Amino acid sequence: MNDLTRTQLDCEKSLDELSDYLSRDRTPYDESIETCPECLNALEALERLGPLSRDLLAEDAAALPPLSDSWIGRIMTNIHREMRSGRSVPISHSDPHVTVTVTEGAIRALIRAAGDAVTGILVGRCELLGDLDTVDAPITVRVTASIAWGESVPGLADEVRVQVYRALAQHTQIRVVSVDVAIEDVHIAERGDAPSSEGERP
């Protein structure tokens, strides 16, 4: 493993440890991992990345150049960065004496999960731009992603925007004024997942 995967999260677990735990099918049960929000967010991201990265590394795709290790490395870098707590985002409460917050890391994990849920998309980076310390301040969300070969770039980018807006509206109180989605990479779809019949080659 590289230095990145050994770098600790705020909870002092590393992506290396979590990846090993995941490869053992999360056995034996580790309560310190299974009860930690940071670890659970990272495990979810690694679970989504795992099958696709194995297929990418095994695929002999004549249509595309050989996969660069930096492609997976960039996603691992972003997962590590996003799992850190970051800023505390306030949530309004009817009692002025009660302070409720959610971490920026949790919101980024929510955005990543919403984007990855779109078939044919693998999120690369998530950013929240704006004053997260102030309730109802305008926030811009920026997402980069890889798209499966043969899928429609405009169609899936729009679907990512819809899903990110929906997730943030349902689970947070931040005022999202824009969700910007940039498709930066192309990957081979997982085996058995054929591109949509209406898809266009990027």
N, C-alpha and C. Protein backbone atom coordinates (compact mmCIF):
# COMPACT_ATOMS: atom_id res chain seq x y z
N MET A 1 0.83 -1.20 0.00
CA MET A 1 0.00 0.00 0.00
C MET A 1 0.87 1.25 0.00
N ASN A 2 0.34 2.34 -0.53
CA ASN A 2 1.11 3.58 -0.58
C ASN A 2 0.91 4.39 0.70
N ASP A 3 1.63 5.52 0.78
CA ASP A 3 1.55 6.35 1.98
C ASP A 3 0.15 6.88 2.23
N LEU A 4 -0.60 7.11 1.13
CA LEU A 4 -1.96 7.64 1.28
C LEU A 4 -2.83 6.72 2.09
N THR A 5 -2.82 5.42 1.75
CA THR A 5 -3.72 4.49 2.43
C THR A 5 -3.33 4.30 3.89
N ARG A 6 -2.08 4.64 4.24
CA ARG A 6 -1.66 4.51 5.64
C ARG A 6 -1.99 5.77 6.44
N THR A 7 -2.32 6.85 5.75
CA THR A 7 -2.64 8.10 6.44
C THR A 7 -3.92 7.92 7.25
N GLN A 8 -3.90 8.45 8.48
CA GLN A 8 -5.02 8.25 9.38
C GLN A 8 -6.15 9.22 9.12
N LEU A 9 -7.38 8.73 9.32
CA LEU A 9 -8.55 9.60 9.36
C LEU A 9 -8.57 10.28 10.72
N ASP A 10 -9.54 11.15 10.93
CA ASP A 10 -9.65 11.82 12.22
C ASP A 10 -9.87 10.82 13.35
N CYS A 11 -10.48 9.68 13.03
CA CYS A 11 -10.74 8.66 14.06
C CYS A 11 -9.54 7.75 14.29
N GLU A 12 -8.42 8.04 13.61
CA GLU A 12 -7.15 7.33 13.74
C GLU A 12 -7.12 5.98 13.02
N LYS A 13 -8.16 5.66 12.26
CA LYS A 13 -8.10 4.50 11.38
C LYS A 13 -7.55 4.95 10.03
N SER A 14 -6.92 4.03 9.28
CA SER A 14 -6.40 4.38 7.97
C SER A 14 -7.20 3.64 6.90
N LEU A 15 -7.12 4.13 5.65
CA LEU A 15 -7.78 3.44 4.55
C LEU A 15 -7.18 2.05 4.36
N ASP A 16 -5.91 1.89 4.67
CA ASP A 16 -5.26 0.58 4.60
C ASP A 16 -5.95 -0.40 5.53
N GLU A 17 -6.16 0.02 6.79
CA GLU A 17 -6.85 -0.84 7.76
C GLU A 17 -8.27 -1.17 7.31
N LEU A 18 -8.97 -0.15 6.82
CA LEU A 18 -10.36 -0.35 6.42
C LEU A 18 -10.45 -1.24 5.18
N SER A 19 -9.50 -1.08 4.25
CA SER A 19 -9.49 -1.93 3.06
C SER A 19 -9.24 -3.39 3.44
N ASP A 20 -8.32 -3.62 4.38
CA ASP A 20 -8.05 -4.99 4.84
C ASP A 20 -9.29 -5.57 5.53
N TYR A 21 -9.95 -4.76 6.34
CA TYR A 21 -11.16 -5.21 7.04
C TYR A 21 -12.25 -5.58 6.04
N LEU A 22 -12.37 -4.78 5.00
CA LEU A 22 -13.37 -5.04 3.96
C LEU A 22 -13.03 -6.32 3.20
N SER A 23 -11.75 -6.54 2.93
CA SER A 23 -11.35 -7.74 2.19
C SER A 23 -11.60 -9.01 2.98
N ARG A 24 -11.73 -8.87 4.31
CA ARG A 24 -12.05 -10.03 5.17
C ARG A 24 -13.56 -10.15 5.38
N ASP A 25 -14.34 -9.46 4.54
CA ASP A 25 -15.80 -9.46 4.66
C ASP A 25 -16.25 -8.94 6.02
N ARG A 26 -15.49 -7.98 6.56
CA ARG A 26 -15.80 -7.31 7.83
C ARG A 26 -15.90 -8.30 8.98
N THR A 27 -15.03 -9.30 8.94
CA THR A 27 -14.93 -10.26 10.04
C THR A 27 -13.46 -10.40 10.44
N PRO A 28 -13.17 -10.64 11.72
CA PRO A 28 -14.13 -10.59 12.82
C PRO A 28 -14.67 -9.17 13.03
N TYR A 29 -15.86 -9.09 13.56
CA TYR A 29 -16.55 -7.82 13.77
C TYR A 29 -15.69 -6.88 14.61
N ASP A 30 -15.48 -5.66 14.12
CA ASP A 30 -14.69 -4.66 14.83
C ASP A 30 -15.62 -3.51 15.23
N GLU A 31 -15.96 -3.46 16.50
CA GLU A 31 -16.92 -2.46 16.98
C GLU A 31 -16.39 -1.04 16.77
N SER A 32 -15.07 -0.85 16.90
CA SER A 32 -14.51 0.49 16.75
C SER A 32 -14.68 1.01 15.33
N ILE A 33 -14.77 0.11 14.37
CA ILE A 33 -15.02 0.51 12.98
C ILE A 33 -16.51 0.62 12.70
N GLU A 34 -17.27 -0.38 13.14
CA GLU A 34 -18.69 -0.46 12.80
C GLU A 34 -19.54 0.59 13.51
N THR A 35 -18.99 1.24 14.52
CA THR A 35 -19.75 2.29 15.23
C THR A 35 -19.19 3.68 14.96
N CYS A 36 -18.23 3.78 14.04
CA CYS A 36 -17.60 5.07 13.72
C CYS A 36 -18.16 5.61 12.41
N PRO A 37 -18.80 6.79 12.42
CA PRO A 37 -19.37 7.35 11.18
C PRO A 37 -18.33 7.55 10.08
N GLU A 38 -17.13 8.01 10.45
CA GLU A 38 -16.08 8.21 9.44
C GLU A 38 -15.72 6.89 8.78
N CYS A 39 -15.53 5.86 9.60
CA CYS A 39 -15.16 4.54 9.07
C CYS A 39 -16.26 3.97 8.18
N LEU A 40 -17.50 4.12 8.61
CA LEU A 40 -18.62 3.58 7.83
C LEU A 40 -18.74 4.29 6.49
N ASN A 41 -18.53 5.61 6.47
CA ASN A 41 -18.55 6.34 5.21
C ASN A 41 -17.44 5.87 4.29
N ALA A 42 -16.24 5.68 4.86
CA ALA A 42 -15.11 5.23 4.06
C ALA A 42 -15.33 3.81 3.54
N LEU A 43 -15.87 2.92 4.39
CA LEU A 43 -16.15 1.56 3.95
C LEU A 43 -17.14 1.53 2.80
N GLU A 44 -18.17 2.38 2.88
CA GLU A 44 -19.17 2.43 1.81
C GLU A 44 -18.52 2.87 0.50
N ALA A 45 -17.65 3.88 0.57
CA ALA A 45 -16.97 4.36 -0.64
C ALA A 45 -16.03 3.28 -1.19
N LEU A 46 -15.31 2.60 -0.32
CA LEU A 46 -14.39 1.55 -0.76
C LEU A 46 -15.14 0.36 -1.35
N GLU A 47 -16.31 0.05 -0.80
CA GLU A 47 -17.12 -1.04 -1.34
C GLU A 47 -17.57 -0.73 -2.76
N ARG A 48 -17.95 0.52 -3.02
CA ARG A 48 -18.38 0.90 -4.36
C ARG A 48 -17.21 0.89 -5.33
N LEU A 49 -16.05 1.30 -4.85
CA LEU A 49 -14.87 1.37 -5.71
C LEU A 49 -14.29 0.00 -6.01
N GLY A 50 -14.34 -0.90 -5.04
CA GLY A 50 -13.66 -2.18 -5.15
C GLY A 50 -13.96 -3.00 -6.38
N PRO A 51 -15.22 -3.40 -6.61
CA PRO A 51 -15.52 -4.25 -7.77
C PRO A 51 -15.15 -3.60 -9.10
N LEU A 52 -15.39 -2.30 -9.23
CA LEU A 52 -15.08 -1.63 -10.48
C LEU A 52 -13.58 -1.56 -10.70
N SER A 53 -12.82 -1.25 -9.65
CA SER A 53 -11.37 -1.14 -9.82
C SER A 53 -10.77 -2.49 -10.19
N ARG A 54 -11.30 -3.59 -9.62
CA ARG A 54 -10.78 -4.91 -9.99
C ARG A 54 -11.08 -5.22 -11.45
N ASP A 55 -12.28 -4.87 -11.90
CA ASP A 55 -12.63 -5.11 -13.31
C ASP A 55 -11.77 -4.26 -14.24
N LEU A 56 -11.53 -3.01 -13.82
CA LEU A 56 -10.72 -2.13 -14.65
C LEU A 56 -9.30 -2.66 -14.79
N LEU A 57 -8.74 -3.13 -13.70
CA LEU A 57 -7.37 -3.61 -13.74
C LEU A 57 -7.25 -4.91 -14.52
N ALA A 58 -8.34 -5.71 -14.58
CA ALA A 58 -8.30 -6.99 -15.27
C ALA A 58 -8.71 -6.88 -16.73
N GLU A 59 -9.41 -5.80 -17.09
CA GLU A 59 -9.98 -5.68 -18.43
C GLU A 59 -8.92 -5.36 -19.47
N ASP A 60 -8.90 -6.13 -20.58
CA ASP A 60 -8.02 -5.84 -21.70
C ASP A 60 -8.86 -5.10 -22.73
N ALA A 61 -8.95 -3.79 -22.60
CA ALA A 61 -9.85 -3.00 -23.43
C ALA A 61 -9.06 -2.34 -24.54
N ALA A 62 -9.23 -2.84 -25.77
CA ALA A 62 -8.50 -2.29 -26.90
C ALA A 62 -8.96 -0.89 -27.22
N ALA A 63 -10.19 -0.56 -26.85
CA ALA A 63 -10.74 0.75 -27.20
C ALA A 63 -10.15 1.88 -26.37
N LEU A 64 -9.54 1.54 -25.22
CA LEU A 64 -9.01 2.57 -24.34
C LEU A 64 -7.54 2.31 -24.04
N PRO A 65 -6.78 3.34 -23.71
CA PRO A 65 -5.40 3.12 -23.32
C PRO A 65 -5.33 2.37 -22.00
N PRO A 66 -4.18 1.75 -21.69
CA PRO A 66 -4.05 1.03 -20.42
C PRO A 66 -4.38 1.94 -19.25
N LEU A 67 -5.03 1.36 -18.25
CA LEU A 67 -5.43 2.14 -17.07
C LEU A 67 -4.20 2.60 -16.30
N SER A 68 -4.17 3.86 -15.97
CA SER A 68 -3.07 4.40 -15.17
C SER A 68 -3.39 4.22 -13.69
N ASP A 69 -2.35 3.87 -12.92
CA ASP A 69 -2.54 3.73 -11.47
C ASP A 69 -3.02 5.04 -10.86
N SER A 70 -2.71 6.17 -11.52
CA SER A 70 -3.08 7.46 -10.96
C SER A 70 -4.59 7.66 -10.94
N TRP A 71 -5.31 6.95 -11.81
CA TRP A 71 -6.78 7.09 -11.86
C TRP A 71 -7.39 6.60 -10.55
N ILE A 72 -7.03 5.38 -10.14
CA ILE A 72 -7.51 4.86 -8.86
C ILE A 72 -6.92 5.67 -7.71
N GLY A 73 -5.65 6.06 -7.87
CA GLY A 73 -4.99 6.82 -6.82
C GLY A 73 -5.69 8.13 -6.52
N ARG A 74 -6.17 8.81 -7.58
CA ARG A 74 -6.88 10.08 -7.37
C ARG A 74 -8.16 9.87 -6.58
N ILE A 75 -8.88 8.79 -6.90
CA ILE A 75 -10.12 8.53 -6.17
C ILE A 75 -9.80 8.21 -4.70
N MET A 76 -8.76 7.41 -4.47
CA MET A 76 -8.37 7.09 -3.09
C MET A 76 -7.98 8.36 -2.34
N THR A 77 -7.26 9.26 -3.02
CA THR A 77 -6.88 10.53 -2.40
C THR A 77 -8.12 11.31 -1.98
N ASN A 78 -9.09 11.37 -2.88
CA ASN A 78 -10.31 12.14 -2.59
C ASN A 78 -11.14 11.49 -1.49
N ILE A 79 -11.24 10.16 -1.50
CA ILE A 79 -11.97 9.47 -0.43
C ILE A 79 -11.35 9.80 0.91
N HIS A 80 -10.01 9.72 0.97
CA HIS A 80 -9.34 10.01 2.25
C HIS A 80 -9.62 11.44 2.70
N ARG A 81 -9.50 12.39 1.77
CA ARG A 81 -9.72 13.80 2.13
C ARG A 81 -11.14 14.04 2.59
N GLU A 82 -12.09 13.43 1.88
CA GLU A 82 -13.49 13.69 2.18
C GLU A 82 -13.96 13.03 3.47
N MET A 83 -13.31 11.95 3.89
CA MET A 83 -13.74 11.29 5.11
C MET A 83 -13.35 12.06 6.37
N ARG A 84 -12.43 13.01 6.23
CA ARG A 84 -12.06 13.82 7.39
C ARG A 84 -13.22 14.75 7.73
N SER A 85 -13.36 15.07 8.98
CA SER A 85 -14.55 15.79 9.46
C SER A 85 -14.76 17.13 8.79
N GLY A 86 -13.69 17.93 8.67
CA GLY A 86 -13.82 19.25 8.05
C GLY A 86 -14.62 20.21 8.92
N ARG A 87 -15.31 21.12 8.25
CA ARG A 87 -16.07 22.15 8.98
C ARG A 87 -17.34 21.56 9.60
N SER A 88 -17.81 22.22 10.66
CA SER A 88 -19.08 21.84 11.29
C SER A 88 -20.17 22.71 10.69
N VAL A 89 -21.14 22.10 10.07
CA VAL A 89 -22.19 22.82 9.36
C VAL A 89 -23.41 22.94 10.28
N PRO A 90 -23.83 24.16 10.63
CA PRO A 90 -24.95 24.31 11.56
C PRO A 90 -26.29 23.91 10.95
N ILE A 91 -27.15 23.39 11.79
CA ILE A 91 -28.53 23.05 11.42
C ILE A 91 -29.45 23.84 12.35
N SER A 92 -30.42 24.51 11.79
CA SER A 92 -31.32 25.34 12.61
C SER A 92 -32.14 24.46 13.55
N HIS A 93 -32.48 25.03 14.71
CA HIS A 93 -33.26 24.31 15.72
C HIS A 93 -34.24 25.28 16.35
N SER A 94 -35.40 24.79 16.72
CA SER A 94 -36.43 25.65 17.30
C SER A 94 -36.02 26.24 18.64
N ASP A 95 -35.15 25.55 19.37
CA ASP A 95 -34.66 26.04 20.66
C ASP A 95 -33.35 26.78 20.44
N PRO A 96 -33.30 28.09 20.68
CA PRO A 96 -32.08 28.86 20.44
C PRO A 96 -30.91 28.45 21.32
N HIS A 97 -31.18 27.70 22.39
CA HIS A 97 -30.12 27.26 23.29
C HIS A 97 -29.51 25.93 22.84
N VAL A 98 -30.06 25.35 21.79
CA VAL A 98 -29.57 24.06 21.29
C VAL A 98 -28.76 24.29 20.02
N THR A 99 -27.57 23.73 19.98
CA THR A 99 -26.72 23.82 18.79
C THR A 99 -26.61 22.45 18.14
N VAL A 100 -27.00 22.38 16.88
CA VAL A 100 -26.93 21.13 16.13
C VAL A 100 -26.07 21.34 14.89
N THR A 101 -25.14 20.44 14.65
CA THR A 101 -24.29 20.55 13.46
C THR A 101 -24.13 19.18 12.80
N VAL A 102 -23.71 19.21 11.54
CA VAL A 102 -23.32 18.00 10.82
C VAL A 102 -21.96 18.30 10.20
N THR A 103 -21.09 17.30 10.14
CA THR A 103 -19.74 17.56 9.63
C THR A 103 -19.74 17.69 8.12
N GLU A 104 -18.80 18.47 7.63
CA GLU A 104 -18.62 18.62 6.19
C GLU A 104 -18.28 17.28 5.56
N GLY A 105 -17.51 16.46 6.27
CA GLY A 105 -17.15 15.14 5.75
C GLY A 105 -18.37 14.27 5.51
N ALA A 106 -19.34 14.35 6.42
CA ALA A 106 -20.56 13.57 6.26
C ALA A 106 -21.35 14.02 5.04
N ILE A 107 -21.36 15.34 4.78
CA ILE A 107 -22.08 15.86 3.61
C ILE A 107 -21.38 15.43 2.33
N ARG A 108 -20.06 15.48 2.31
CA ARG A 108 -19.33 15.03 1.12
C ARG A 108 -19.56 13.55 0.86
N ALA A 109 -19.62 12.75 1.95
CA ALA A 109 -19.90 11.33 1.78
C ALA A 109 -21.29 11.12 1.19
N LEU A 110 -22.25 11.95 1.62
CA LEU A 110 -23.61 11.88 1.08
C LEU A 110 -23.62 12.20 -0.42
N ILE A 111 -22.87 13.22 -0.80
CA ILE A 111 -22.78 13.60 -2.22
C ILE A 111 -22.16 12.48 -3.03
N ARG A 112 -21.07 11.91 -2.53
CA ARG A 112 -20.39 10.81 -3.24
C ARG A 112 -21.34 9.63 -3.41
N ALA A 113 -22.07 9.27 -2.36
CA ALA A 113 -22.99 8.13 -2.44
C ALA A 113 -24.10 8.40 -3.46
N ALA A 114 -24.61 9.63 -3.48
CA ALA A 114 -25.67 9.98 -4.42
C ALA A 114 -25.18 9.89 -5.86
N GLY A 115 -23.97 10.38 -6.11
CA GLY A 115 -23.42 10.31 -7.47
C GLY A 115 -23.10 8.89 -7.89
N ASP A 116 -22.47 8.13 -7.00
CA ASP A 116 -22.11 6.75 -7.32
C ASP A 116 -23.34 5.87 -7.56
N ALA A 117 -24.49 6.28 -7.02
CA ALA A 117 -25.72 5.50 -7.20
C ALA A 117 -26.23 5.57 -8.63
N VAL A 118 -25.73 6.52 -9.41
CA VAL A 118 -26.12 6.63 -10.82
C VAL A 118 -25.33 5.60 -11.63
N THR A 119 -26.01 4.66 -12.26
CA THR A 119 -25.35 3.61 -13.02
C THR A 119 -24.49 4.20 -14.13
N GLY A 120 -23.22 3.77 -14.15
CA GLY A 120 -22.30 4.28 -15.16
C GLY A 120 -21.42 5.41 -14.67
N ILE A 121 -21.62 5.84 -13.41
CA ILE A 121 -20.85 6.95 -12.85
C ILE A 121 -20.03 6.48 -11.66
N LEU A 122 -18.80 6.97 -11.58
CA LEU A 122 -17.98 6.79 -10.40
C LEU A 122 -17.41 8.16 -10.03
N VAL A 123 -17.80 8.66 -8.87
CA VAL A 123 -17.43 10.02 -8.45
C VAL A 123 -15.94 10.08 -8.13
N GLY A 124 -15.29 11.14 -8.61
CA GLY A 124 -13.88 11.34 -8.32
C GLY A 124 -13.65 12.28 -7.16
N ARG A 125 -14.24 13.48 -7.21
CA ARG A 125 -14.01 14.48 -6.16
C ARG A 125 -15.30 15.23 -5.87
N CYS A 126 -15.49 15.59 -4.60
CA CYS A 126 -16.65 16.39 -4.18
C CYS A 126 -16.15 17.62 -3.44
N GLU A 127 -16.68 18.78 -3.77
CA GLU A 127 -16.30 20.02 -3.09
C GLU A 127 -17.54 20.82 -2.73
N LEU A 128 -17.49 21.48 -1.58
CA LEU A 128 -18.55 22.38 -1.13
C LEU A 128 -17.95 23.77 -1.05
N LEU A 129 -18.44 24.68 -1.89
CA LEU A 129 -17.89 26.03 -1.96
C LEU A 129 -18.89 27.03 -1.40
N GLY A 130 -18.44 27.79 -0.41
CA GLY A 130 -19.32 28.77 0.20
C GLY A 130 -19.13 28.82 1.70
N ASP A 131 -19.95 29.60 2.36
CA ASP A 131 -19.84 29.81 3.80
C ASP A 131 -20.69 28.76 4.54
N LEU A 132 -20.08 27.63 4.83
CA LEU A 132 -20.81 26.56 5.51
C LEU A 132 -21.07 26.88 6.98
N ASP A 133 -20.40 27.89 7.50
CA ASP A 133 -20.58 28.24 8.91
C ASP A 133 -21.85 29.04 9.16
N THR A 134 -22.51 29.49 8.09
CA THR A 134 -23.69 30.33 8.23
C THR A 134 -24.92 29.62 7.68
N VAL A 135 -25.96 29.53 8.50
CA VAL A 135 -27.21 28.90 8.07
C VAL A 135 -27.79 29.65 6.88
N ASP A 136 -28.20 28.93 5.86
CA ASP A 136 -28.86 29.46 4.66
C ASP A 136 -27.93 30.24 3.73
N ALA A 137 -26.62 30.13 3.94
CA ALA A 137 -25.69 30.77 3.00
C ALA A 137 -25.69 29.98 1.69
N PRO A 138 -25.54 30.65 0.54
CA PRO A 138 -25.54 29.94 -0.74
C PRO A 138 -24.31 29.05 -0.89
N ILE A 139 -24.52 27.83 -1.32
CA ILE A 139 -23.45 26.85 -1.46
C ILE A 139 -23.44 26.28 -2.87
N THR A 140 -22.25 26.21 -3.46
CA THR A 140 -22.07 25.55 -4.76
C THR A 140 -21.39 24.20 -4.54
N VAL A 141 -21.93 23.18 -5.16
CA VAL A 141 -21.35 21.83 -5.07
C VAL A 141 -20.64 21.54 -6.39
N ARG A 142 -19.40 21.09 -6.30
CA ARG A 142 -18.65 20.68 -7.48
C ARG A 142 -18.32 19.20 -7.39
N VAL A 143 -18.62 18.48 -8.45
CA VAL A 143 -18.38 17.03 -8.49
C VAL A 143 -17.64 16.70 -9.78
N THR A 144 -16.57 15.91 -9.66
CA THR A 144 -15.94 15.35 -10.85
C THR A 144 -16.25 13.86 -10.86
N ALA A 145 -16.27 13.27 -12.05
CA ALA A 145 -16.65 11.86 -12.14
C ALA A 145 -16.04 11.20 -13.36
N SER A 146 -16.02 9.86 -13.31
CA SER A 146 -15.69 9.03 -14.46
C SER A 146 -16.99 8.42 -14.97
N ILE A 147 -17.10 8.28 -16.30
CA ILE A 147 -18.31 7.73 -16.90
C ILE A 147 -17.97 6.43 -17.63
N ALA A 148 -18.90 5.50 -17.62
CA ALA A 148 -18.70 4.24 -18.33
C ALA A 148 -18.66 4.48 -19.83
N TRP A 149 -17.77 3.78 -20.51
CA TRP A 149 -17.61 3.91 -21.95
C TRP A 149 -18.93 3.60 -22.66
N GLY A 150 -19.34 4.49 -23.56
CA GLY A 150 -20.55 4.27 -24.33
C GLY A 150 -21.78 4.94 -23.76
N GLU A 151 -21.69 5.51 -22.56
CA GLU A 151 -22.85 6.16 -21.96
C GLU A 151 -22.93 7.63 -22.39
N SER A 152 -24.10 8.22 -22.22
CA SER A 152 -24.33 9.62 -22.58
C SER A 152 -23.78 10.54 -21.51
N VAL A 153 -22.82 11.37 -21.88
CA VAL A 153 -22.24 12.30 -20.91
C VAL A 153 -23.27 13.31 -20.40
N PRO A 154 -24.00 14.02 -21.28
CA PRO A 154 -24.98 15.00 -20.78
C PRO A 154 -26.07 14.34 -19.93
N GLY A 155 -26.54 13.16 -20.36
CA GLY A 155 -27.62 12.48 -19.65
C GLY A 155 -27.23 12.08 -18.24
N LEU A 156 -26.06 11.45 -18.10
CA LEU A 156 -25.65 11.00 -16.77
C LEU A 156 -25.20 12.17 -15.89
N ALA A 157 -24.61 13.19 -16.48
CA ALA A 157 -24.24 14.37 -15.69
C ALA A 157 -25.50 15.02 -15.11
N ASP A 158 -26.55 15.12 -15.91
CA ASP A 158 -27.81 15.67 -15.41
C ASP A 158 -28.40 14.80 -14.31
N GLU A 159 -28.29 13.49 -14.46
CA GLU A 159 -28.83 12.59 -13.43
C GLU A 159 -28.06 12.73 -12.12
N VAL A 160 -26.74 12.91 -12.21
CA VAL A 160 -25.94 13.15 -11.00
C VAL A 160 -26.41 14.42 -10.31
N ARG A 161 -26.64 15.48 -11.08
CA ARG A 161 -27.12 16.74 -10.49
C ARG A 161 -28.43 16.52 -9.75
N VAL A 162 -29.36 15.82 -10.39
CA VAL A 162 -30.66 15.56 -9.78
C VAL A 162 -30.51 14.79 -8.48
N GLN A 163 -29.70 13.75 -8.49
CA GLN A 163 -29.55 12.91 -7.31
C GLN A 163 -28.84 13.64 -6.17
N VAL A 164 -27.86 14.47 -6.51
CA VAL A 164 -27.16 15.23 -5.47
C VAL A 164 -28.08 16.28 -4.85
N TYR A 165 -28.81 17.02 -5.69
CA TYR A 165 -29.80 17.98 -5.18
C TYR A 165 -30.79 17.27 -4.24
N ARG A 166 -31.30 16.14 -4.69
CA ARG A 166 -32.32 15.42 -3.92
C ARG A 166 -31.78 14.96 -2.58
N ALA A 167 -30.56 14.40 -2.57
CA ALA A 167 -29.97 13.91 -1.32
C ALA A 167 -29.71 15.05 -0.34
N LEU A 168 -29.19 16.16 -0.84
CA LEU A 168 -28.90 17.28 0.05
C LEU A 168 -30.17 17.93 0.58
N ALA A 169 -31.21 18.00 -0.25
CA ALA A 169 -32.48 18.56 0.21
C ALA A 169 -33.13 17.68 1.27
N GLN A 170 -32.95 16.38 1.13
CA GLN A 170 -33.59 15.44 2.05
C GLN A 170 -32.86 15.34 3.39
N HIS A 171 -31.54 15.44 3.36
CA HIS A 171 -30.75 15.14 4.56
C HIS A 171 -30.02 16.32 5.17
N THR A 172 -30.02 17.48 4.52
CA THR A 172 -29.33 18.65 5.08
C THR A 172 -30.22 19.88 4.95
N GLN A 173 -29.73 20.99 5.50
CA GLN A 173 -30.43 22.27 5.37
C GLN A 173 -29.61 23.28 4.58
N ILE A 174 -28.52 22.85 3.95
CA ILE A 174 -27.72 23.81 3.21
C ILE A 174 -28.47 24.25 1.95
N ARG A 175 -28.27 25.52 1.58
CA ARG A 175 -28.97 26.09 0.42
C ARG A 175 -28.08 25.95 -0.80
N VAL A 176 -28.34 24.93 -1.58
CA VAL A 176 -27.53 24.65 -2.77
C VAL A 176 -28.03 25.50 -3.93
N VAL A 177 -27.15 26.36 -4.46
CA VAL A 177 -27.53 27.20 -5.58
C VAL A 177 -27.08 26.62 -6.91
N SER A 178 -26.14 25.68 -6.85
CA SER A 178 -25.64 25.08 -8.09
C SER A 178 -24.94 23.76 -7.79
N VAL A 179 -25.15 22.77 -8.66
CA VAL A 179 -24.38 21.52 -8.62
C VAL A 179 -23.67 21.41 -9.97
N ASP A 180 -22.37 21.61 -9.95
CA ASP A 180 -21.56 21.55 -11.17
C ASP A 180 -20.93 20.17 -11.29
N VAL A 181 -21.17 19.49 -12.40
CA VAL A 181 -20.65 18.14 -12.62
C VAL A 181 -19.71 18.15 -13.82
N ALA A 182 -18.48 17.72 -13.60
CA ALA A 182 -17.49 17.64 -14.69
C ALA A 182 -17.09 16.18 -14.89
N ILE A 183 -17.25 15.68 -16.11
CA ILE A 183 -16.83 14.32 -16.44
C ILE A 183 -15.38 14.38 -16.90
N GLU A 184 -14.49 13.75 -16.12
CA GLU A 184 -13.05 13.88 -16.39
C GLU A 184 -12.39 12.59 -16.85
N ASP A 185 -13.06 11.45 -16.68
CA ASP A 185 -12.47 10.17 -17.03
C ASP A 185 -13.50 9.27 -17.69
N VAL A 186 -13.02 8.24 -18.37
CA VAL A 186 -13.87 7.21 -18.96
C VAL A 186 -13.38 5.86 -18.46
N HIS A 187 -14.30 4.97 -18.10
CA HIS A 187 -13.92 3.64 -17.65
C HIS A 187 -14.77 2.58 -18.35
N ILE A 188 -14.31 1.34 -18.29
CA ILE A 188 -15.06 0.22 -18.82
C ILE A 188 -16.11 -0.18 -17.81
N ALA A 189 -17.36 -0.36 -18.25
CA ALA A 189 -18.43 -0.77 -17.33
C ALA A 189 -18.10 -2.12 -16.73
N GLU A 190 -18.61 -2.36 -15.50
CA GLU A 190 -18.42 -3.65 -14.86
C GLU A 190 -18.98 -4.75 -15.75
N ARG A 191 -18.37 -5.90 -15.72
CA ARG A 191 -18.84 -7.01 -16.53
C ARG A 191 -20.30 -7.30 -16.25
N GLY A 192 -21.07 -7.41 -17.30
CA GLY A 192 -22.51 -7.67 -17.14
C GLY A 192 -23.32 -6.41 -17.17
N ASP A 193 -22.66 -5.25 -17.06
CA ASP A 193 -23.37 -3.97 -17.12
C ASP A 193 -23.16 -3.35 -18.48
N ALA A 194 -24.03 -3.61 -19.41
CA ALA A 194 -23.89 -3.07 -20.76
C ALA A 194 -24.32 -1.61 -20.78
N PRO A 195 -23.71 -0.80 -21.65
CA PRO A 195 -24.15 0.59 -21.77
C PRO A 195 -25.59 0.66 -22.22
N SER A 196 -26.26 1.77 -21.89
CA SER A 196 -27.64 1.93 -22.28
C SER A 196 -27.73 2.01 -23.80
N SER A 197 -28.85 1.54 -24.37
CA SER A 197 -29.01 1.50 -25.81
C SER A 197 -29.01 2.88 -26.43
N GLU A 198 -29.39 3.90 -25.63
CA GLU A 198 -29.44 5.25 -26.14
C GLU A 198 -28.16 6.03 -25.86
N GLY A 199 -27.18 5.34 -25.23
CA GLY A 199 -25.97 6.04 -24.84
C GLY A 199 -25.16 6.48 -26.04
N GLU A 200 -24.39 7.55 -25.85
CA GLU A 200 -23.50 8.05 -26.88
C GLU A 200 -22.08 7.88 -26.40
N ARG A 201 -21.19 7.56 -27.26
CA ARG A 201 -19.80 7.45 -26.85
C ARG A 201 -19.26 8.84 -26.54
N PRO A 202 -18.60 8.96 -25.34
CA PRO A 202 -18.08 10.29 -24.96
C PRO A 202 -17.06 10.77 -25.99
